[in-house]
PDB file of N, CA and C in Angstrom:
ATOM      1  N   MET A   1      -2.145  50.710 -10.192  1.00  0.00           N
ATOM      2  CA  MET A   1      -0.866  51.376 -10.115  1.00  0.00           C
ATOM      3  C   MET A   1      -0.571  51.666  -8.648  1.00  0.00           C
ATOM      4  N   VAL A   2       0.639  51.397  -8.257  1.00  0.00           N
ATOM      5  CA  VAL A   2       1.086  51.682  -6.898  1.00  0.00           C
ATOM      6  C   VAL A   2       2.221  52.678  -6.978  1.00  0.00           C
ATOM      7  N   GLU A   3       2.116  53.728  -6.223  1.00  0.00           N
ATOM      8  CA  GLU A   3       3.178  54.725  -6.167  1.00  0.00           C
ATOM      9  C   GLU A   3       3.749  54.726  -4.763  1.00  0.00           C
ATOM     10  N   LEU A   4       5.042  54.662  -4.674  1.00  0.00           N
ATOM     11  CA  LEU A   4       5.715  54.622  -3.387  1.00  0.00           C
ATOM     12  C   LEU A   4       6.627  55.825  -3.260  1.00  0.00           C
ATOM     13  N   GLN A   5       6.473  56.549  -2.180  1.00  0.00           N
ATOM     14  CA  GLN A   5       7.372  57.655  -1.873  1.00  0.00           C
ATOM     15  C   GLN A   5       7.961  57.374  -0.505  1.00  0.00           C
ATOM     16  N   GLN A   6       9.262  57.506  -0.411  1.00  0.00           N
ATOM     17  CA  GLN A   6       9.941  57.247   0.849  1.00  0.00           C
ATOM     18  C   GLN A   6      10.846  58.404   1.198  1.00  0.00           C
ATOM     19  N   ALA A   7      11.096  58.519   2.459  1.00  0.00           N
ATOM     20  CA  ALA A   7      12.059  59.482   2.974  1.00  0.00           C
ATOM     21  C   ALA A   7      12.656  58.878   4.232  1.00  0.00           C
ATOM     22  N   GLY A   8      13.802  59.340   4.591  1.00  0.00           N
ATOM     23  CA  GLY A   8      14.438  58.832   5.797  1.00  0.00           C
ATOM     24  C   GLY A   8      15.207  59.936   6.500  1.00  0.00           C
ATOM     25  N   ILE A   9      15.276  59.812   7.781  1.00  0.00           N
ATOM     26  CA  ILE A   9      16.109  60.694   8.594  1.00  0.00           C
ATOM     27  C   ILE A   9      17.185  59.814   9.191  1.00  0.00           C
ATOM     28  N   PHE A  10      18.420  60.117   8.882  1.00  0.00           N
ATOM     29  CA  PHE A  10      19.543  59.319   9.333  1.00  0.00           C
ATOM     30  C   PHE A  10      20.456  60.168  10.199  1.00  0.00           C
ATOM     31  N   GLU A  11      20.897  59.588  11.277  1.00  0.00           N
ATOM     32  CA  GLU A  11      21.901  60.240  12.118  1.00  0.00           C
ATOM     33  C   GLU A  11      23.225  59.542  11.835  1.00  0.00           C
ATOM     34  N   ILE A  12      24.173  60.304  11.356  1.00  0.00           N
ATOM     35  CA  ILE A  12      25.489  59.760  11.021  1.00  0.00           C
ATOM     36  C   ILE A  12      26.492  60.410  11.966  1.00  0.00           C
ATOM     37  N   ALA A  13      27.028  59.596  12.843  1.00  0.00           N
ATOM     38  CA  ALA A  13      27.973  60.111  13.834  1.00  0.00           C
ATOM     39  C   ALA A  13      29.316  59.413  13.676  1.00  0.00           C
ATOM     40  N   GLY A  14      30.372  60.170  13.802  1.00  0.00           N
ATOM     41  CA  GLY A  14      31.711  59.606  13.806  1.00  0.00           C
ATOM     42  C   GLY A  14      32.270  59.264  12.445  1.00  0.00           C
ATOM     43  N   ALA A  15      31.595  59.644  11.392  1.00  0.00           N
ATOM     44  CA  ALA A  15      32.093  59.349  10.044  1.00  0.00           C
ATOM     45  C   ALA A  15      33.002  60.479   9.576  1.00  0.00           C
ATOM     46  N   ALA A  16      34.035  60.107   8.882  1.00  0.00           N
ATOM     47  CA  ALA A  16      34.925  61.106   8.297  1.00  0.00           C
ATOM     48  C   ALA A  16      34.162  61.879   7.222  1.00  0.00           C
ATOM     49  N   PRO A  17      34.401  63.178   7.110  1.00  0.00           N
ATOM     50  CA  PRO A  17      33.666  63.985   6.122  1.00  0.00           C
ATOM     51  C   PRO A  17      33.753  63.451   4.695  1.00  0.00           C
ATOM     52  N   GLU A  18      34.892  62.854   4.311  1.00  0.00           N
ATOM     53  CA  GLU A  18      35.015  62.340   2.946  1.00  0.00           C
ATOM     54  C   GLU A  18      34.171  61.083   2.724  1.00  0.00           C
ATOM     55  N   LYS A  19      33.689  60.467   3.795  1.00  0.00           N
ATOM     56  CA  LYS A  19      32.833  59.280   3.682  1.00  0.00           C
ATOM     57  C   LYS A  19      31.347  59.629   3.589  1.00  0.00           C
ATOM     58  N   LEU A  20      30.991  60.864   3.883  1.00  0.00           N
ATOM     59  CA  LEU A  20      29.575  61.250   3.883  1.00  0.00           C
ATOM     60  C   LEU A  20      28.873  61.040   2.538  1.00  0.00           C
ATOM     61  N   PRO A  21      29.481  61.404   1.411  1.00  0.00           N
ATOM     62  CA  PRO A  21      28.755  61.190   0.146  1.00  0.00           C
ATOM     63  C   PRO A  21      28.373  59.729  -0.088  1.00  0.00           C
ATOM     64  N   ILE A  22      29.273  58.801   0.163  1.00  0.00           N
ATOM     65  CA  ILE A  22      28.943  57.395  -0.074  1.00  0.00           C
ATOM     66  C   ILE A  22      27.918  56.893   0.945  1.00  0.00           C
ATOM     67  N   LEU A  23      27.985  57.396   2.158  1.00  0.00           N
ATOM     68  CA  LEU A  23      26.978  57.011   3.154  1.00  0.00           C
ATOM     69  C   LEU A  23      25.597  57.498   2.744  1.00  0.00           C
ATOM     70  N   LEU A  24      25.527  58.754   2.291  1.00  0.00           N
ATOM     71  CA  LEU A  24      24.243  59.356   1.937  1.00  0.00           C
ATOM     72  C   LEU A  24      23.683  58.835   0.614  1.00  0.00           C
ATOM     73  N   GLU A  25      24.560  58.478  -0.320  1.00  0.00           N
ATOM     74  CA  GLU A  25      24.090  58.080  -1.644  1.00  0.00           C
ATOM     75  C   GLU A  25      24.068  56.569  -1.865  1.00  0.00           C
ATOM     76  N   VAL A  26      24.653  55.800  -0.935  1.00  0.00           N
ATOM     77  CA  VAL A  26      24.663  54.346  -1.079  1.00  0.00           C
ATOM     78  C   VAL A  26      24.019  53.671   0.131  1.00  0.00           C
ATOM     79  N   ARG A  27      24.551  53.909   1.300  1.00  0.00           N
ATOM     80  CA  ARG A  27      24.086  53.186   2.494  1.00  0.00           C
ATOM     81  C   ARG A  27      22.674  53.587   2.910  1.00  0.00           C
ATOM     82  N   CYS A  28      22.373  54.874   2.889  1.00  0.00           N
ATOM     83  CA  CYS A  28      21.023  55.303   3.293  1.00  0.00           C
ATOM     84  C   CYS A  28      19.953  54.774   2.335  1.00  0.00           C
ATOM     85  N   PRO A  29      20.139  54.907   1.004  1.00  0.00           N
ATOM     86  CA  PRO A  29      19.139  54.332   0.097  1.00  0.00           C
ATOM     87  C   PRO A  29      19.010  52.809   0.231  1.00  0.00           C
ATOM     88  N   ASP A  30      20.142  52.127   0.501  1.00  0.00           N
ATOM     89  CA  ASP A  30      20.072  50.680   0.717  1.00  0.00           C
ATOM     90  C   ASP A  30      19.125  50.348   1.869  1.00  0.00           C
ATOM     91  N   ASN A  31      19.194  51.133   2.925  1.00  0.00           N
ATOM     92  CA  ASN A  31      18.309  50.904   4.074  1.00  0.00           C
ATOM     93  C   ASN A  31      16.859  51.196   3.739  1.00  0.00           C
ATOM     94  N   LEU A  32      16.604  52.225   2.969  1.00  0.00           N
ATOM     95  CA  LEU A  32      15.227  52.577   2.621  1.00  0.00           C
ATOM     96  C   LEU A  32      14.597  51.555   1.671  1.00  0.00           C
ATOM     97  N   ILE A  33      15.354  51.100   0.680  1.00  0.00           N
ATOM     98  CA  ILE A  33      14.781  50.187  -0.314  1.00  0.00           C
ATOM     99  C   ILE A  33      14.385  48.859   0.319  1.00  0.00           C
ATOM    100  N   ALA A  34      15.046  48.500   1.393  1.00  0.00           N
ATOM    101  CA  ALA A  34      14.704  47.242   2.065  1.00  0.00           C
ATOM    102  C   ALA A  34      13.239  47.229   2.504  1.00  0.00           C
ATOM    103  N   PHE A  35      12.736  48.353   2.942  1.00  0.00           N
ATOM    104  CA  PHE A  35      11.330  48.429   3.361  1.00  0.00           C
ATOM    105  C   PHE A  35      10.394  48.329   2.161  1.00  0.00           C
ATOM    106  N   ALA A  36      10.776  48.927   1.049  1.00  0.00           N
ATOM    107  CA  ALA A  36       9.930  48.872  -0.151  1.00  0.00           C
ATOM    108  C   ALA A  36       9.910  47.469  -0.740  1.00  0.00           C
ATOM    109  N   ARG A  37      11.004  46.746  -0.580  1.00  0.00           N
ATOM    110  CA  ARG A  37      11.107  45.405  -1.168  1.00  0.00           C
ATOM    111  C   ARG A  37      10.480  44.329  -0.292  1.00  0.00           C
ATOM    112  N   ARG A  38       9.930  44.693   0.839  1.00  0.00           N
ATOM    113  CA  ARG A  38       9.327  43.692   1.735  1.00  0.00           C
ATOM    114  C   ARG A  38       8.311  42.831   1.018  1.00  0.00           C
ATOM    115  N   GLY A  39       7.623  43.393   0.041  1.00  0.00           N
ATOM    116  CA  GLY A  39       6.718  42.597  -0.772  1.00  0.00           C
ATOM    117  C   GLY A  39       5.267  42.628  -0.357  1.00  0.00           C
ATOM    118  N   ASP A  40       4.951  43.077   0.850  1.00  0.00           N
ATOM    119  CA  ASP A  40       3.555  43.054   1.275  1.00  0.00           C
ATOM    120  C   ASP A  40       2.878  44.419   1.157  1.00  0.00           C
ATOM    121  N   LEU A  41       3.567  45.363   0.553  1.00  0.00           N
ATOM    122  CA  LEU A  41       3.020  46.711   0.428  1.00  0.00           C
ATOM    123  C   LEU A  41       1.694  46.714  -0.338  1.00  0.00           C
ATOM    124  N   GLY A  42       1.683  46.120  -1.517  1.00  0.00           N
ATOM    125  CA  GLY A  42       0.450  46.074  -2.305  1.00  0.00           C
ATOM    126  C   GLY A  42      -0.538  45.059  -1.797  1.00  0.00           C
ATOM    127  N   VAL A  43      -0.039  43.962  -1.245  1.00  0.00           N
ATOM    128  CA  VAL A  43      -0.901  42.887  -0.752  1.00  0.00           C
ATOM    129  C   VAL A  43      -1.838  43.416   0.325  1.00  0.00           C
ATOM    130  N   LYS A  44      -1.320  44.265   1.182  1.00  0.00           N
ATOM    131  CA  LYS A  44      -2.160  44.841   2.244  1.00  0.00           C
ATOM    132  C   LYS A  44      -3.290  45.683   1.668  1.00  0.00           C
ATOM    133  N   GLY A  45      -3.098  46.190   0.454  1.00  0.00           N
ATOM    134  CA  GLY A  45      -4.139  46.980  -0.206  1.00  0.00           C
ATOM    135  C   GLY A  45      -4.973  46.166  -1.177  1.00  0.00           C
ATOM    136  N   GLY A  46      -4.781  44.843  -1.178  1.00  0.00           N
ATOM    137  CA  GLY A  46      -5.561  43.981  -2.046  1.00  0.00           C
ATOM    138  C   GLY A  46      -4.989  43.828  -3.444  1.00  0.00           C
ATOM    139  N   LEU A  47      -3.744  44.232  -3.646  1.00  0.00           N
ATOM    140  CA  LEU A  47      -3.108  44.124  -4.958  1.00  0.00           C
ATOM    141  C   LEU A  47      -2.144  42.949  -4.974  1.00  0.00           C
ATOM    142  N   PRO A  48      -1.712  42.525  -6.159  1.00  0.00           N
ATOM    143  CA  PRO A  48      -0.706  41.461  -6.227  1.00  0.00           C
ATOM    144  C   PRO A  48       0.602  41.906  -5.572  1.00  0.00           C
ATOM    145  N   GLN A  49       1.419  40.937  -5.247  1.00  0.00           N
ATOM    146  CA  GLN A  49       2.691  41.233  -4.602  1.00  0.00           C
ATOM    147  C   GLN A  49       3.535  42.141  -5.489  1.00  0.00           C
ATOM    148  N   LEU A  50       4.123  43.162  -4.907  1.00  0.00           N
ATOM    149  CA  LEU A  50       4.980  44.112  -5.601  1.00  0.00           C
ATOM    150  C   LEU A  50       6.401  43.567  -5.602  1.00  0.00           C
ATOM    151  N   LEU A  51       6.949  43.378  -6.789  1.00  0.00           N
ATOM    152  CA  LEU A  51       8.312  42.876  -6.907  1.00  0.00           C
ATOM    153  C   LEU A  51       9.197  43.995  -7.442  1.00  0.00           C
ATOM    154  N   ILE A  52      10.162  44.396  -6.656  1.00  0.00           N
ATOM    155  CA  ILE A  52      11.077  45.470  -7.036  1.00  0.00           C
ATOM    156  C   ILE A  52      12.443  44.850  -7.301  1.00  0.00           C
ATOM    157  N   ASP A  53      12.972  45.101  -8.482  1.00  0.00           N
ATOM    158  CA  ASP A  53      14.305  44.599  -8.811  1.00  0.00           C
ATOM    159  C   ASP A  53      15.340  45.222  -7.874  1.00  0.00           C
ATOM    160  N   PRO A  54      16.395  44.478  -7.589  1.00  0.00           N
ATOM    161  CA  PRO A  54      17.467  45.030  -6.765  1.00  0.00           C
ATOM    162  C   PRO A  54      18.085  46.264  -7.432  1.00  0.00           C
ATOM    163  N   VAL A  55      18.497  47.208  -6.626  1.00  0.00           N
ATOM    164  CA  VAL A  55      19.146  48.420  -7.114  1.00  0.00           C
ATOM    165  C   VAL A  55      20.560  48.433  -6.554  1.00  0.00           C
ATOM    166  N   ASN A  56      21.533  48.599  -7.424  1.00  0.00           N
ATOM    167  CA  ASN A  56      22.925  48.676  -6.995  1.00  0.00           C
ATOM    168  C   ASN A  56      23.290  50.145  -6.849  1.00  0.00           C
ATOM    169  N   PHE A  57      23.075  50.687  -5.656  1.00  0.00           N
ATOM    170  CA  PHE A  57      23.333  52.098  -5.409  1.00  0.00           C
ATOM    171  C   PHE A  57      24.820  52.420  -5.510  1.00  0.00           C
ATOM    172  N   HIS A  58      25.671  51.450  -5.196  1.00  0.00           N
ATOM    173  CA  HIS A  58      27.115  51.697  -5.295  1.00  0.00           C
ATOM    174  C   HIS A  58      27.511  51.898  -6.762  1.00  0.00           C
ATOM    175  N   ALA A  59      26.949  51.111  -7.671  1.00  0.00           N
ATOM    176  CA  ALA A  59      27.231  51.281  -9.098  1.00  0.00           C
ATOM    177  C   ALA A  59      26.710  52.630  -9.593  1.00  0.00           C
ATOM    178  N   CYS A  60      25.544  53.030  -9.130  1.00  0.00           N
ATOM    179  CA  CYS A  60      24.988  54.341  -9.508  1.00  0.00           C
ATOM    180  C   CYS A  60      25.895  55.466  -9.018  1.00  0.00           C
ATOM    181  N   TYR A  61      26.382  55.334  -7.792  1.00  0.00           N
ATOM    182  CA  TYR A  61      27.268  56.341  -7.204  1.00  0.00           C
ATOM    183  C   TYR A  61      28.581  56.413  -7.984  1.00  0.00           C
ATOM    184  N   THR A  62      29.152  55.260  -8.326  1.00  0.00           N
ATOM    185  CA  THR A  62      30.403  55.218  -9.079  1.00  0.00           C
ATOM    186  C   THR A  62      30.221  55.852 -10.455  1.00  0.00           C
ATOM    187  N   GLN A  63      29.112  55.555 -11.107  1.00  0.00           N
ATOM    188  CA  GLN A  63      28.830  56.147 -12.417  1.00  0.00           C
ATOM    189  C   GLN A  63      28.692  57.663 -12.300  1.00  0.00           C
ATOM    190  N   LYS A  64      28.046  58.125 -11.239  1.00  0.00           N
ATOM    191  CA  LYS A  64      27.888  59.567 -11.027  1.00  0.00           C
ATOM    192  C   LYS A  64      29.254  60.233 -10.858  1.00  0.00           C
ATOM    193  N   LEU A  65      30.146  59.594 -10.089  1.00  0.00           N
ATOM    194  CA  LEU A  65      31.488  60.148  -9.905  1.00  0.00           C
ATOM    195  C   LEU A  65      32.230  60.252 -11.235  1.00  0.00           C
ATOM    196  N   ARG A  66      32.135  59.218 -12.064  1.00  0.00           N
ATOM    197  CA  ARG A  66      32.801  59.243 -13.370  1.00  0.00           C
ATOM    198  C   ARG A  66      32.247  60.352 -14.255  1.00  0.00           C
ATOM    199  N   THR A  67      30.937  60.514 -14.246  1.00  0.00           N
ATOM    200  CA  THR A  67      30.305  61.571 -15.038  1.00  0.00           C
ATOM    201  C   THR A  67      30.763  62.934 -14.548  1.00  0.00           C
ATOM    202  N   ASP A  68      30.796  63.132 -13.242  1.00  0.00           N
ATOM    203  CA  ASP A  68      31.248  64.400 -12.671  1.00  0.00           C
ATOM    204  C   ASP A  68      32.697  64.690 -13.044  1.00  0.00           C
ATOM    205  N   GLU A  69      33.549  63.649 -13.028  1.00  0.00           N
ATOM    206  CA  GLU A  69      34.955  63.826 -13.407  1.00  0.00           C
ATOM    207  C   GLU A  69      35.085  64.239 -14.869  1.00  0.00           C
ATOM    208  N   ARG A  70      34.317  63.592 -15.747  1.00  0.00           N
ATOM    209  CA  ARG A  70      34.370  63.928 -17.179  1.00  0.00           C
ATOM    210  C   ARG A  70      33.919  65.366 -17.416  1.00  0.00           C
ATOM    211  N   GLN A  71      32.878  65.781 -16.723  1.00  0.00           N
ATOM    212  CA  GLN A  71      32.378  67.144 -16.891  1.00  0.00           C
ATOM    213  C   GLN A  71      33.382  68.162 -16.365  1.00  0.00           C
ATOM    214  N   ALA A  72      34.085  67.826 -15.296  1.00  0.00           N
ATOM    215  CA  ALA A  72      35.084  68.736 -14.732  1.00  0.00           C
ATOM    216  C   ALA A  72      36.286  68.896 -15.650  1.00  0.00           C
ATOM    217  N   GLN A  73      36.591  67.824 -16.437  1.00  0.00           N
ATOM    218  CA  GLN A  73      37.732  67.867 -17.345  1.00  0.00           C
ATOM    219  C   GLN A  73      37.430  68.667 -18.616  1.00  0.00           C
ATOM    220  N   GLY A  74      36.186  68.877 -18.875  1.00  0.00           N
ATOM    221  CA  GLY A  74      35.870  69.716 -20.017  1.00  0.00           C
ATOM    222  C   GLY A  74      35.013  69.072 -20.999  1.00  0.00           C
TER     223      GLY A  74
END
């Protein structure tokens, strides 16, 4: 079993405040997952290659917005 925990520190300059949620919930995770998907994480530890399915963070973000809207409506 391989467990991966990631974190990132991002500096976001010059972005409009209304763009921050999509940057933080879509663009930042996209950058982090690229490192996890490199494929040699387990190989370096003597395990088979780790294959991570692509994650569509934009679809997850859009779904979250729809859920939030439905909850706000009642």
